[in-house]
Structures are given as C-alpha cells and as structure tokens.
Amino acid sequence: MKDNLFTIQNRREDSGKVIFDIAINPEHKVFEGHFPDMPILPGVLHLEFIRDLMCKELGKKLLFQNIKDIKYLSPINPIETPNIQIVIEHFPVDCCYSLNAIVKWDKKTFVKLKGMLKEI
C-alpha cells in the first residue's frame, strides 16, 4: 500500500536533528478511500513514514516498541499540502532508539510523536 506514497526530496542535519523533506503523492490509491472527496493522509501512515525514515537512516529493520505520546494536531490533505517536513531527533537507549518526531510544513505542525523503536 505504501509504494509510491511518498518520496524523500532532501535530507539534512541541523542541531542534532535529521530533517527530511517529503513529497506526498496525492494520486496514490490510499486517497481513493480516505476520503474520495476530501483526501486525508491516514494517521497510521504518519507513523509508518517516521518508522520507514528511521529504518533508512540507521540501515536497520525497526518496529515501534512503544509510543509514549502522539498528538495529531491537524490533518494532511495531500492536494493542499503535497510537501511536508519530518524532523527526527533520535538516540540509542539500551536495546532501542528513543525518538522525538514532528511532522510539519512551514509554520503548521501536523503531528508530534515521542516513542521508542526496536530492531527486529
């Protein structure tokens, strides 16, 4: 389902954070059902974006071990907002990776997440 849903346009580091510029494909089939007249990126896909980016960043297969806090502040309509930034601060803790992530564009924040990923 995630094939061709998003493309990494750019990756950079700033003050210990990794910043990904992401282009969302508004023509992806997920938006046919969620929702046909008002496409909205499903909340679970925000989590998948973050997990996928961390897997690429660390070169490891990872799963969320826990999510301490997640706030969905605003929906993402891929037609109105086809580009987003995902800012991730991460560090190793025991057998896992602690992370703080923000999904945003310009001055608008869509999601804030604090959680742990573990290697599988």
PDB file of N, CA and C in Angstrom:
ATOM      1  N   MET A   1       0.828  -1.197   0.000  1.00  0.00           N
ATOM      2  CA  MET A   1       0.000   0.000   0.000  1.00  0.00           C
ATOM      3  C   MET A   1       0.870   1.257   0.000  1.00  0.00           C
ATOM      4  N   LYS A   2       2.061   1.210   0.578  1.00  0.00           N
ATOM      5  CA  LYS A   2       2.869   2.424   0.701  1.00  0.00           C
ATOM      6  C   LYS A   2       3.710   2.715  -0.534  1.00  0.00           C
ATOM      7  N   ASP A   3       3.778   1.783  -1.482  1.00  0.00           N
ATOM      8  CA  ASP A   3       4.592   2.012  -2.665  1.00  0.00           C
ATOM      9  C   ASP A   3       4.194   3.311  -3.336  1.00  0.00           C
ATOM     10  N   ASN A   4       5.184   4.130  -3.614  1.00  0.00           N
ATOM     11  CA  ASN A   4       4.989   5.411  -4.310  1.00  0.00           C
ATOM     12  C   ASN A   4       4.120   6.406  -3.549  1.00  0.00           C
ATOM     13  N   LEU A   5       3.903   6.202  -2.271  1.00  0.00           N
ATOM     14  CA  LEU A   5       3.094   7.143  -1.495  1.00  0.00           C
ATOM     15  C   LEU A   5       3.885   8.408  -1.181  1.00  0.00           C
ATOM     16  N   PHE A   6       5.186   8.245  -0.902  1.00  0.00           N
ATOM     17  CA  PHE A   6       5.988   9.429  -0.624  1.00  0.00           C
ATOM     18  C   PHE A   6       7.388   9.274  -1.201  1.00  0.00           C
ATOM     19  N   THR A   7       8.014  10.414  -1.428  1.00  0.00           N
ATOM     20  CA  THR A   7       9.374  10.458  -1.947  1.00  0.00           C
ATOM     21  C   THR A   7      10.193  11.399  -1.073  1.00  0.00           C
ATOM     22  N   ILE A   8      11.390  10.969  -0.724  1.00  0.00           N
ATOM     23  CA  ILE A   8      12.295  11.839   0.024  1.00  0.00           C
ATOM     24  C   ILE A   8      12.935  12.800  -0.977  1.00  0.00           C
ATOM     25  N   GLN A   9      12.685  14.086  -0.798  1.00  0.00           N
ATOM     26  CA  GLN A   9      13.239  15.100  -1.682  1.00  0.00           C
ATOM     27  C   GLN A   9      14.614  15.583  -1.210  1.00  0.00           C
ATOM     28  N   ASN A  10      14.791  15.587   0.115  1.00  0.00           N
ATOM     29  CA  ASN A  10      16.038  16.096   0.678  1.00  0.00           C
ATOM     30  C   ASN A  10      16.197  15.564   2.099  1.00  0.00           C
ATOM     31  N   ARG A  11      17.446  15.445   2.521  1.00  0.00           N
ATOM     32  CA  ARG A  11      17.774  15.051   3.899  1.00  0.00           C
ATOM     33  C   ARG A  11      18.921  15.938   4.362  1.00  0.00           C
ATOM     34  N   ARG A  12      18.773  16.473   5.561  1.00  0.00           N
ATOM     35  CA  ARG A  12      19.849  17.281   6.123  1.00  0.00           C
ATOM     36  C   ARG A  12      19.832  17.143   7.641  1.00  0.00           C
ATOM     37  N   GLU A  13      20.914  17.574   8.264  1.00  0.00           N
ATOM     38  CA  GLU A  13      21.015  17.552   9.716  1.00  0.00           C
ATOM     39  C   GLU A  13      21.159  18.974  10.226  1.00  0.00           C
ATOM     40  N   ASP A  14      20.549  19.225  11.369  1.00  0.00           N
ATOM     41  CA  ASP A  14      20.635  20.549  11.991  1.00  0.00           C
ATOM     42  C   ASP A  14      20.448  20.387  13.496  1.00  0.00           C
ATOM     43  N   SER A  15      21.418  20.808  14.258  1.00  0.00           N
ATOM     44  CA  SER A  15      21.363  20.782  15.730  1.00  0.00           C
ATOM     45  C   SER A  15      20.981  19.413  16.281  1.00  0.00           C
ATOM     46  N   GLY A  16      21.589  18.353  15.749  1.00  0.00           N
ATOM     47  CA  GLY A  16      21.332  17.008  16.254  1.00  0.00           C
ATOM     48  C   GLY A  16      20.037  16.386  15.769  1.00  0.00           C
ATOM     49  N   LYS A  17      19.345  17.049  14.859  1.00  0.00           N
ATOM     50  CA  LYS A  17      18.091  16.525  14.308  1.00  0.00           C
ATOM     51  C   LYS A  17      18.277  16.216  12.828  1.00  0.00           C
ATOM     52  N   VAL A  18      17.578  15.202  12.370  1.00  0.00           N
ATOM     53  CA  VAL A  18      17.570  14.868  10.952  1.00  0.00           C
ATOM     54  C   VAL A  18      16.270  15.411  10.376  1.00  0.00           C
ATOM     55  N   ILE A  19      16.377  16.137   9.278  1.00  0.00           N
ATOM     56  CA  ILE A  19      15.212  16.775   8.662  1.00  0.00           C
ATOM     57  C   ILE A  19      15.037  16.203   7.263  1.00  0.00           C
ATOM     58  N   PHE A  20      13.857  15.642   7.028  1.00  0.00           N
ATOM     59  CA  PHE A  20      13.528  15.075   5.730  1.00  0.00           C
ATOM     60  C   PHE A  20      12.459  15.942   5.073  1.00  0.00           C
ATOM     61  N   ASP A  21      12.710  16.337   3.836  1.00  0.00           N
ATOM     62  CA  ASP A  21      11.683  16.995   3.023  1.00  0.00           C
ATOM     63  C   ASP A  21      11.022  15.903   2.204  1.00  0.00           C
ATOM     64  N   ILE A  22       9.714  15.798   2.350  1.00  0.00           N
ATOM     65  CA  ILE A  22       8.953  14.697   1.769  1.00  0.00           C
ATOM     66  C   ILE A  22       7.899  15.240   0.808  1.00  0.00           C
ATOM     67  N   ALA A  23       7.774  14.577  -0.352  1.00  0.00           N
ATOM     68  CA  ALA A  23       6.684  14.870  -1.281  1.00  0.00           C
ATOM     69  C   ALA A  23       5.680  13.717  -1.188  1.00  0.00           C
ATOM     70  N   ILE A  24       4.429  14.058  -0.945  1.00  0.00           N
ATOM     71  CA  ILE A  24       3.355  13.060  -0.874  1.00  0.00           C
ATOM     72  C   ILE A  24       2.702  12.962  -2.248  1.00  0.00           C
ATOM     73  N   ASN A  25       2.438  11.757  -2.694  1.00  0.00           N
ATOM     74  CA  ASN A  25       1.777  11.531  -3.976  1.00  0.00           C
ATOM     75  C   ASN A  25       0.261  11.614  -3.779  1.00  0.00           C
ATOM     76  N   PRO A  26      -0.375  12.732  -4.182  1.00  0.00           N
ATOM     77  CA  PRO A  26      -1.823  12.877  -3.966  1.00  0.00           C
ATOM     78  C   PRO A  26      -2.661  11.948  -4.842  1.00  0.00           C
ATOM     79  N   GLU A  27      -2.018  11.296  -5.822  1.00  0.00           N
ATOM     80  CA  GLU A  27      -2.726  10.365  -6.707  1.00  0.00           C
ATOM     81  C   GLU A  27      -2.675   8.924  -6.193  1.00  0.00           C
ATOM     82  N   HIS A  28      -2.026   8.701  -5.069  1.00  0.00           N
ATOM     83  CA  HIS A  28      -1.892   7.341  -4.531  1.00  0.00           C
ATOM     84  C   HIS A  28      -3.262   6.753  -4.218  1.00  0.00           C
ATOM     85  N   LYS A  29      -3.390   5.450  -4.379  1.00  0.00           N
ATOM     86  CA  LYS A  29      -4.692   4.776  -4.213  1.00  0.00           C
ATOM     87  C   LYS A  29      -5.253   4.864  -2.789  1.00  0.00           C
ATOM     88  N   VAL A  30      -4.399   5.108  -1.785  1.00  0.00           N
ATOM     89  CA  VAL A  30      -4.901   5.204  -0.410  1.00  0.00           C
ATOM     90  C   VAL A  30      -5.930   6.330  -0.285  1.00  0.00           C
ATOM     91  N   PHE A  31      -5.768   7.378  -1.098  1.00  0.00           N
ATOM     92  CA  PHE A  31      -6.669   8.529  -1.002  1.00  0.00           C
ATOM     93  C   PHE A  31      -8.002   8.303  -1.704  1.00  0.00           C
ATOM     94  N   GLU A  32      -8.104   7.219  -2.481  1.00  0.00           N
ATOM     95  CA  GLU A  32      -9.392   6.886  -3.109  1.00  0.00           C
ATOM     96  C   GLU A  32     -10.434   6.532  -2.051  1.00  0.00           C
ATOM     97  N   GLY A  33      -9.996   5.919  -0.977  1.00  0.00           N
ATOM     98  CA  GLY A  33     -10.933   5.513   0.075  1.00  0.00           C
ATOM     99  C   GLY A  33     -10.843   6.365   1.328  1.00  0.00           C
ATOM    100  N   HIS A  34      -9.864   7.228   1.402  1.00  0.00           N
ATOM    101  CA  HIS A  34      -9.648   8.003   2.637  1.00  0.00           C
ATOM    102  C   HIS A  34      -9.386   9.466   2.309  1.00  0.00           C
ATOM    103  N   PHE A  35     -10.204  10.217   1.909  1.00  0.00           N
ATOM    104  CA  PHE A  35     -11.608  10.047   1.527  1.00  0.00           C
ATOM    105  C   PHE A  35     -11.757  10.577   0.103  1.00  0.00           C
ATOM    106  N   PRO A  36     -12.643  10.024  -0.707  1.00  0.00           N
ATOM    107  CA  PRO A  36     -12.706  10.377  -2.129  1.00  0.00           C
ATOM    108  C   PRO A  36     -12.858  11.881  -2.408  1.00  0.00           C
ATOM    109  N   ASP A  37     -13.724  12.564  -1.705  1.00  0.00           N
ATOM    110  CA  ASP A  37     -13.943  13.987  -1.966  1.00  0.00           C
ATOM    111  C   ASP A  37     -13.079  14.899  -1.099  1.00  0.00           C
ATOM    112  N   MET A  38     -12.433  14.345  -0.103  1.00  0.00           N
ATOM    113  CA  MET A  38     -11.584  15.127   0.797  1.00  0.00           C
ATOM    114  C   MET A  38     -10.434  14.231   1.256  1.00  0.00           C
ATOM    115  N   PRO A  39      -9.390  14.081   0.421  1.00  0.00           N
ATOM    116  CA  PRO A  39      -8.310  13.158   0.787  1.00  0.00           C
ATOM    117  C   PRO A  39      -7.570  13.614   2.041  1.00  0.00           C
ATOM    118  N   ILE A  40      -7.357  12.662   2.931  1.00  0.00           N
ATOM    119  CA  ILE A  40      -6.643  12.901   4.189  1.00  0.00           C
ATOM    120  C   ILE A  40      -5.645  11.757   4.374  1.00  0.00           C
ATOM    121  N   LEU A  41      -4.416  12.096   4.712  1.00  0.00           N
ATOM    122  CA  LEU A  41      -3.417  11.069   4.987  1.00  0.00           C
ATOM    123  C   LEU A  41      -3.802  10.347   6.281  1.00  0.00           C
ATOM    124  N   PRO A  42      -4.023   9.025   6.227  1.00  0.00           N
ATOM    125  CA  PRO A  42      -4.386   8.288   7.439  1.00  0.00           C
ATOM    126  C   PRO A  42      -3.326   8.423   8.537  1.00  0.00           C
ATOM    127  N   GLY A  43      -3.775   8.542   9.767  1.00  0.00           N
ATOM    128  CA  GLY A  43      -2.878   8.739  10.898  1.00  0.00           C
ATOM    129  C   GLY A  43      -1.825   7.659  11.042  1.00  0.00           C
ATOM    130  N   VAL A  44      -2.190   6.420  10.776  1.00  0.00           N
ATOM    131  CA  VAL A  44      -1.224   5.329  10.910  1.00  0.00           C
ATOM    132  C   VAL A  44      -0.077   5.492   9.914  1.00  0.00           C
ATOM    133  N   LEU A  45      -0.323   6.155   8.791  1.00  0.00           N
ATOM    134  CA  LEU A  45       0.750   6.345   7.814  1.00  0.00           C
ATOM    135  C   LEU A  45       1.771   7.391   8.257  1.00  0.00           C
ATOM    136  N   HIS A  46       1.369   8.295   9.130  1.00  0.00           N
ATOM    137  CA  HIS A  46       2.360   9.198   9.720  1.00  0.00           C
ATOM    138  C   HIS A  46       3.406   8.364  10.473  1.00  0.00           C
ATOM    139  N   LEU A  47       2.915   7.387  11.231  1.00  0.00           N
ATOM    140  CA  LEU A  47       3.808   6.510  11.990  1.00  0.00           C
ATOM    141  C   LEU A  47       4.705   5.710  11.057  1.00  0.00           C
ATOM    142  N   GLU A  48       4.133   5.223   9.967  1.00  0.00           N
ATOM    143  CA  GLU A  48       4.902   4.447   9.005  1.00  0.00           C
ATOM    144  C   GLU A  48       5.964   5.307   8.330  1.00  0.00           C
ATOM    145  N   PHE A  49       5.638   6.544   8.002  1.00  0.00           N
ATOM    146  CA  PHE A  49       6.632   7.452   7.418  1.00  0.00           C
ATOM    147  C   PHE A  49       7.824   7.575   8.366  1.00  0.00           C
ATOM    148  N   ILE A  50       7.539   7.844   9.634  1.00  0.00           N
ATOM    149  CA  ILE A  50       8.598   8.039  10.626  1.00  0.00           C
ATOM    150  C   ILE A  50       9.421   6.762  10.783  1.00  0.00           C
ATOM    151  N   ARG A  51       8.757   5.625  10.896  1.00  0.00           N
ATOM    152  CA  ARG A  51       9.466   4.349  11.039  1.00  0.00           C
ATOM    153  C   ARG A  51      10.316   4.062   9.800  1.00  0.00           C
ATOM    154  N   ASP A  52       9.749   4.245   8.618  1.00  0.00           N
ATOM    155  CA  ASP A  52      10.493   3.995   7.381  1.00  0.00           C
ATOM    156  C   ASP A  52      11.727   4.886   7.278  1.00  0.00           C
ATOM    157  N   LEU A  53      11.569   6.148   7.633  1.00  0.00           N
ATOM    158  CA  LEU A  53      12.712   7.060   7.584  1.00  0.00           C
ATOM    159  C   LEU A  53      13.806   6.649   8.559  1.00  0.00           C
ATOM    160  N   MET A  54      13.411   6.203   9.750  1.00  0.00           N
ATOM    161  CA  MET A  54      14.397   5.744  10.733  1.00  0.00           C
ATOM    162  C   MET A  54      15.094   4.464  10.257  1.00  0.00           C
ATOM    163  N   CYS A  55      14.363   3.574   9.614  1.00  0.00           N
ATOM    164  CA  CYS A  55      14.978   2.359   9.067  1.00  0.00           C
ATOM    165  C   CYS A  55      16.043   2.732   8.034  1.00  0.00           C
ATOM    166  N   LYS A  56      15.708   3.658   7.160  1.00  0.00           N
ATOM    167  CA  LYS A  56      16.679   4.109   6.154  1.00  0.00           C
ATOM    168  C   LYS A  56      17.856   4.817   6.819  1.00  0.00           C
ATOM    169  N   GLU A  57      17.569   5.648   7.783  1.00  0.00           N
ATOM    170  CA  GLU A  57      18.607   6.436   8.460  1.00  0.00           C
ATOM    171  C   GLU A  57      19.620   5.537   9.157  1.00  0.00           C
ATOM    172  N   LEU A  58      19.143   4.501   9.839  1.00  0.00           N
ATOM    173  CA  LEU A  58      20.017   3.638  10.628  1.00  0.00           C
ATOM    174  C   LEU A  58      20.447   2.372   9.893  1.00  0.00           C
ATOM    175  N   GLY A  59      19.811   2.107   8.733  1.00  0.00           N
ATOM    176  CA  GLY A  59      20.142   0.897   7.991  1.00  0.00           C
ATOM    177  C   GLY A  59      19.736  -0.372   8.726  1.00  0.00           C
ATOM    178  N   LYS A  60      18.628  -0.289   9.478  1.00  0.00           N
ATOM    179  CA  LYS A  60      18.154  -1.422  10.270  1.00  0.00           C
ATOM    180  C   LYS A  60      16.651  -1.588  10.096  1.00  0.00           C
ATOM    181  N   LYS A  61      16.176  -2.805  10.350  1.00  0.00           N
ATOM    182  CA  LYS A  61      14.732  -3.052  10.377  1.00  0.00           C
ATOM    183  C   LYS A  61      14.241  -2.737  11.781  1.00  0.00           C
ATOM    184  N   LEU A  62      13.260  -1.839  11.864  1.00  0.00           N
ATOM    185  CA  LEU A  62      12.782  -1.375  13.161  1.00  0.00           C
ATOM    186  C   LEU A  62      11.269  -1.462  13.257  1.00  0.00           C
ATOM    187  N   LEU A  63      10.796  -1.622  14.479  1.00  0.00           N
ATOM    188  CA  LEU A  63       9.367  -1.563  14.796  1.00  0.00           C
ATOM    189  C   LEU A  63       9.198  -0.668  16.014  1.00  0.00           C
ATOM    190  N   PHE A  64       8.029  -0.042  16.108  1.00  0.00           N
ATOM    191  CA  PHE A  64       7.753   0.724  17.316  1.00  0.00           C
ATOM    192  C   PHE A  64       7.618  -0.227  18.487  1.00  0.00           C
ATOM    193  N   GLN A  65       8.378   0.004  19.533  1.00  0.00           N
ATOM    194  CA  GLN A  65       8.219  -0.755  20.773  1.00  0.00           C
ATOM    195  C   GLN A  65       7.128  -0.104  21.609  1.00  0.00           C
ATOM    196  N   ASN A  66       7.133   1.228  21.639  1.00  0.00           N
ATOM    197  CA  ASN A  66       6.060   1.944  22.322  1.00  0.00           C
ATOM    198  C   ASN A  66       5.979   3.361  21.776  1.00  0.00           C
ATOM    199  N   ILE A  67       4.837   3.934  21.989  1.00  0.00           N
ATOM    200  CA  ILE A  67       4.618   5.343  21.666  1.00  0.00           C
ATOM    201  C   ILE A  67       4.179   5.987  22.966  1.00  0.00           C
ATOM    202  N   LYS A  68       5.039   6.827  23.507  1.00  0.00           N
ATOM    203  CA  LYS A  68       4.748   7.475  24.788  1.00  0.00           C
ATOM    204  C   LYS A  68       3.692   8.557  24.630  1.00  0.00           C
ATOM    205  N   ASP A  69       3.788   9.279  23.522  1.00  0.00           N
ATOM    206  CA  ASP A  69       2.890  10.412  23.322  1.00  0.00           C
ATOM    207  C   ASP A  69       2.782  10.677  21.827  1.00  0.00           C
ATOM    208  N   ILE A  70       1.556  10.852  21.365  1.00  0.00           N
ATOM    209  CA  ILE A  70       1.346  11.250  19.979  1.00  0.00           C
ATOM    210  C   ILE A  70       0.190  12.243  19.945  1.00  0.00           C
ATOM    211  N   LYS A  71       0.399  13.311  19.225  1.00  0.00           N
ATOM    212  CA  LYS A  71      -0.633  14.332  19.085  1.00  0.00           C
ATOM    213  C   LYS A  71      -0.861  14.593  17.603  1.00  0.00           C
ATOM    214  N   TYR A  72      -2.073  14.321  17.161  1.00  0.00           N
ATOM    215  CA  TYR A  72      -2.482  14.657  15.803  1.00  0.00           C
ATOM    216  C   TYR A  72      -3.122  16.039  15.882  1.00  0.00           C
ATOM    217  N   LEU A  73      -2.407  17.030  15.400  1.00  0.00           N
ATOM    218  CA  LEU A  73      -2.844  18.413  15.564  1.00  0.00           C
ATOM    219  C   LEU A  73      -3.658  18.938  14.383  1.00  0.00           C
ATOM    220  N   SER A  74      -3.426  18.373  13.212  1.00  0.00           N
ATOM    221  CA  SER A  74      -4.131  18.833  12.020  1.00  0.00           C
ATOM    222  C   SER A  74      -4.013  17.756  10.949  1.00  0.00           C
ATOM    223  N   PRO A  75      -5.072  17.508  10.174  1.00  0.00           N
ATOM    224  CA  PRO A  75      -4.988  16.504   9.111  1.00  0.00           C
ATOM    225  C   PRO A  75      -4.145  17.022   7.938  1.00  0.00           C
ATOM    226  N   ILE A  76      -3.583  16.088   7.185  1.00  0.00           N
ATOM    227  CA  ILE A  76      -2.826  16.446   5.986  1.00  0.00           C
ATOM    228  C   ILE A  76      -3.658  16.096   4.763  1.00  0.00           C
ATOM    229  N   ASN A  77      -4.053  17.116   4.027  1.00  0.00           N
ATOM    230  CA  ASN A  77      -4.717  16.941   2.737  1.00  0.00           C
ATOM    231  C   ASN A  77      -3.602  17.025   1.693  1.00  0.00           C
ATOM    232  N   PRO A  78      -3.332  15.927   0.957  1.00  0.00           N
ATOM    233  CA  PRO A  78      -2.183  15.909   0.046  1.00  0.00           C
ATOM    234  C   PRO A  78      -2.346  16.818  -1.171  1.00  0.00           C
ATOM    235  N   ILE A  79      -3.543  17.264  -1.426  1.00  0.00           N
ATOM    236  CA  ILE A  79      -3.745  18.204  -2.528  1.00  0.00           C
ATOM    237  C   ILE A  79      -3.359  19.613  -2.066  1.00  0.00           C
ATOM    238  N   GLU A  80      -3.789  19.968  -0.857  1.00  0.00           N
ATOM    239  CA  GLU A  80      -3.467  21.283  -0.303  1.00  0.00           C
ATOM    240  C   GLU A  80      -2.027  21.356   0.211  1.00  0.00           C
ATOM    241  N   THR A  81      -1.531  20.227   0.730  1.00  0.00           N
ATOM    242  CA  THR A  81      -0.183  20.181   1.299  1.00  0.00           C
ATOM    243  C   THR A  81       0.539  18.949   0.743  1.00  0.00           C
ATOM    244  N   PRO A  82       1.055  19.048  -0.488  1.00  0.00           N
ATOM    245  CA  PRO A  82       1.731  17.887  -1.070  1.00  0.00           C
ATOM    246  C   PRO A  82       3.151  17.674  -0.546  1.00  0.00           C
ATOM    247  N   ASN A  83       3.676  18.656   0.199  1.00  0.00           N
ATOM    248  CA  ASN A  83       5.024  18.550   0.757  1.00  0.00           C
ATOM    249  C   ASN A  83       4.972  18.723   2.265  1.00  0.00           C
ATOM    250  N   ILE A  84       5.777  17.930   2.950  1.00  0.00           N
ATOM    251  CA  ILE A  84       5.881  18.028   4.401  1.00  0.00           C
ATOM    252  C   ILE A  84       7.339  17.897   4.796  1.00  0.00           C
ATOM    253  N   GLN A  85       7.637  18.265   6.023  1.00  0.00           N
ATOM    254  CA  GLN A  85       8.937  18.001   6.626  1.00  0.00           C
ATOM    255  C   GLN A  85       8.718  17.078   7.813  1.00  0.00           C
ATOM    256  N   ILE A  86       9.620  16.129   7.945  1.00  0.00           N
ATOM    257  CA  ILE A  86       9.621  15.272   9.127  1.00  0.00           C
ATOM    258  C   ILE A  86      10.964  15.492   9.818  1.00  0.00           C
ATOM    259  N   VAL A  87      10.888  15.983  11.045  1.00  0.00           N
ATOM    260  CA  VAL A  87      12.074  16.300  11.838  1.00  0.00           C
ATOM    261  C   VAL A  87      12.188  15.253  12.933  1.00  0.00           C
ATOM    262  N   ILE A  88      13.321  14.562  12.966  1.00  0.00           N
ATOM    263  CA  ILE A  88      13.501  13.468  13.928  1.00  0.00           C
ATOM    264  C   ILE A  88      14.781  13.686  14.727  1.00  0.00           C
ATOM    265  N   GLU A  89      14.612  13.616  16.036  1.00  0.00           N
ATOM    266  CA  GLU A  89      15.751  13.596  16.954  1.00  0.00           C
ATOM    267  C   GLU A  89      15.758  12.196  17.565  1.00  0.00           C
ATOM    268  N   HIS A  90      16.880  11.493  17.458  1.00  0.00           N
ATOM    269  CA  HIS A  90      16.917  10.111  17.964  1.00  0.00           C
ATOM    270  C   HIS A  90      18.247   9.830  18.644  1.00  0.00           C
ATOM    271  N   PHE A  91      18.190   8.884  19.584  1.00  0.00           N
ATOM    272  CA  PHE A  91      19.407   8.468  20.272  1.00  0.00           C
ATOM    273  C   PHE A  91      19.186   7.065  20.826  1.00  0.00           C
ATOM    274  N   PRO A  92      20.286   6.276  20.892  1.00  0.00           N
ATOM    275  CA  PRO A  92      20.164   4.914  21.404  1.00  0.00           C
ATOM    276  C   PRO A  92      19.918   4.892  22.905  1.00  0.00           C
ATOM    277  N   VAL A  93      19.059   3.963  23.321  1.00  0.00           N
ATOM    278  CA  VAL A  93      18.767   3.724  24.737  1.00  0.00           C
ATOM    279  C   VAL A  93      18.659   2.211  24.906  1.00  0.00           C
ATOM    280  N   ASP A  94      19.600   1.631  25.631  1.00  0.00           N
ATOM    281  CA  ASP A  94      19.646   0.181  25.824  1.00  0.00           C
ATOM    282  C   ASP A  94      19.578  -0.523  24.474  1.00  0.00           C
ATOM    283  N   CYS A  95      18.530  -1.304  24.252  1.00  0.00           N
ATOM    284  CA  CYS A  95      18.399  -2.073  23.010  1.00  0.00           C
ATOM    285  C   CYS A  95      17.514  -1.372  21.975  1.00  0.00           C
ATOM    286  N   CYS A  96      17.192  -0.130  22.221  1.00  0.00           N
ATOM    287  CA  CYS A  96      16.219   0.565  21.374  1.00  0.00           C
ATOM    288  C   CYS A  96      16.737   1.939  20.942  1.00  0.00           C
ATOM    289  N   TYR A  97      15.873   2.648  20.245  1.00  0.00           N
ATOM    290  CA  TYR A  97      16.155   4.023  19.836  1.00  0.00           C
ATOM    291  C   TYR A  97      15.000   4.906  20.283  1.00  0.00           C
ATOM    292  N   SER A  98      15.307   5.862  21.122  1.00  0.00           N
ATOM    293  CA  SER A  98      14.312   6.830  21.562  1.00  0.00           C
ATOM    294  C   SER A  98      14.230   7.903  20.485  1.00  0.00           C
ATOM    295  N   LEU A  99      13.019   8.387  20.236  1.00  0.00           N
ATOM    296  CA  LEU A  99      12.893   9.421  19.227  1.00  0.00           C
ATOM    297  C   LEU A  99      11.794  10.414  19.564  1.00  0.00           C
ATOM    298  N   ASN A 100      12.025  11.621  19.088  1.00  0.00           N
ATOM    299  CA  ASN A 100      11.025  12.685  19.084  1.00  0.00           C
ATOM    300  C   ASN A 100      10.886  13.075  17.622  1.00  0.00           C
ATOM    301  N   ALA A 101       9.674  13.131  17.138  1.00  0.00           N
ATOM    302  CA  ALA A 101       9.450  13.458  15.732  1.00  0.00           C
ATOM    303  C   ALA A 101       8.342  14.491  15.604  1.00  0.00           C
ATOM    304  N   ILE A 102       8.498  15.321  14.608  1.00  0.00           N
ATOM    305  CA  ILE A 102       7.479  16.321  14.282  1.00  0.00           C
ATOM    306  C   ILE A 102       7.238  16.252  12.784  1.00  0.00           C
ATOM    307  N   VAL A 103       5.971  16.216  12.410  1.00  0.00           N
ATOM    308  CA  VAL A 103       5.570  16.288  11.003  1.00  0.00           C
ATOM    309  C   VAL A 103       4.981  17.673  10.813  1.00  0.00           C
ATOM    310  N   LYS A 104       5.561  18.432   9.861  1.00  0.00           N
ATOM    311  CA  LYS A 104       5.136  19.817   9.716  1.00  0.00           C
ATOM    312  C   LYS A 104       5.340  20.284   8.281  1.00  0.00           C
ATOM    313  N   TRP A 105       4.843  21.466   8.016  1.00  0.00           N
ATOM    314  CA  TRP A 105       5.164  22.179   6.791  1.00  0.00           C
ATOM    315  C   TRP A 105       5.077  23.663   7.092  1.00  0.00           C
ATOM    316  N   ASP A 106       6.148  24.364   6.784  1.00  0.00           N
ATOM    317  CA  ASP A 106       6.238  25.790   7.055  1.00  0.00           C
ATOM    318  C   ASP A 106       6.017  25.998   8.555  1.00  0.00           C
ATOM    319  N   LYS A 107       5.017  26.746   8.939  1.00  0.00           N
ATOM    320  CA  LYS A 107       4.770  27.002  10.363  1.00  0.00           C
ATOM    321  C   LYS A 107       3.649  26.136  10.941  1.00  0.00           C
ATOM    322  N   LYS A 108       3.114  25.246  10.138  1.00  0.00           N
ATOM    323  CA  LYS A 108       1.999  24.396  10.588  1.00  0.00           C
ATOM    324  C   LYS A 108       2.520  23.023  11.003  1.00  0.00           C
ATOM    325  N   THR A 109       2.182  22.607  12.225  1.00  0.00           N
ATOM    326  CA  THR A 109       2.556  21.289  12.744  1.00  0.00           C
ATOM    327  C   THR A 109       1.359  20.364  12.652  1.00  0.00           C
ATOM    328  N   PHE A 110       1.587  19.173  12.086  1.00  0.00           N
ATOM    329  CA  PHE A 110       0.522  18.191  11.911  1.00  0.00           C
ATOM    330  C   PHE A 110       0.544  17.115  12.998  1.00  0.00           C
ATOM    331  N   VAL A 111       1.739  16.644  13.332  1.00  0.00           N
ATOM    332  CA  VAL A 111       1.867  15.541  14.296  1.00  0.00           C
ATOM    333  C   VAL A 111       3.120  15.757  15.150  1.00  0.00           C
ATOM    334  N   LYS A 112       2.999  15.418  16.446  1.00  0.00           N
ATOM    335  CA  LYS A 112       4.145  15.350  17.356  1.00  0.00           C
ATOM    336  C   LYS A 112       4.145  13.955  17.962  1.00  0.00           C
ATOM    337  N   LEU A 113       5.321  13.334  18.009  1.00  0.00           N
ATOM    338  CA  LEU A 113       5.415  11.963  18.494  1.00  0.00           C
ATOM    339  C   LEU A 113       6.662  11.792  19.352  1.00  0.00           C
ATOM    340  N   LYS A 114       6.496  11.051  20.445  1.00  0.00           N
ATOM    341  CA  LYS A 114       7.609  10.582  21.266  1.00  0.00           C
ATOM    342  C   LYS A 114       7.441   9.080  21.413  1.00  0.00           C
ATOM    343  N   GLY A 115       8.506   8.345  21.122  1.00  0.00           N
ATOM    344  CA  GLY A 115       8.383   6.898  21.209  1.00  0.00           C
ATOM    345  C   GLY A 115       9.721   6.196  21.165  1.00  0.00           C
ATOM    346  N   MET A 116       9.643   4.865  21.082  1.00  0.00           N
ATOM    347  CA  MET A 116      10.822   4.015  21.044  1.00  0.00           C
ATOM    348  C   MET A 116      10.673   3.036  19.883  1.00  0.00           C
ATOM    349  N   LEU A 117      11.766   2.859  19.158  1.00  0.00           N
ATOM    350  CA  LEU A 117      11.845   1.854  18.102  1.00  0.00           C
ATOM    351  C   LEU A 117      12.823   0.782  18.537  1.00  0.00           C
ATOM    352  N   LYS A 118      12.529  -0.464  18.169  1.00  0.00           N
ATOM    353  CA  LYS A 118      13.464  -1.547  18.470  1.00  0.00           C
ATOM    354  C   LYS A 118      13.810  -2.273  17.182  1.00  0.00           C
ATOM    355  N   GLU A 119      15.000  -2.820  17.166  1.00  0.00           N
ATOM    356  CA  GLU A 119      15.458  -3.560  15.997  1.00  0.00           C
ATOM    357  C   GLU A 119      14.804  -4.945  15.985  1.00  0.00           C
ATOM    358  N   ILE A 120      14.430  -5.408  14.790  1.00  0.00           N
ATOM    359  CA  ILE A 120      13.845  -6.743  14.675  1.00  0.00           C
ATOM    360  C   ILE A 120      14.778  -7.664  13.900  1.00  0.00           C
TER     361      ILE A 120
END
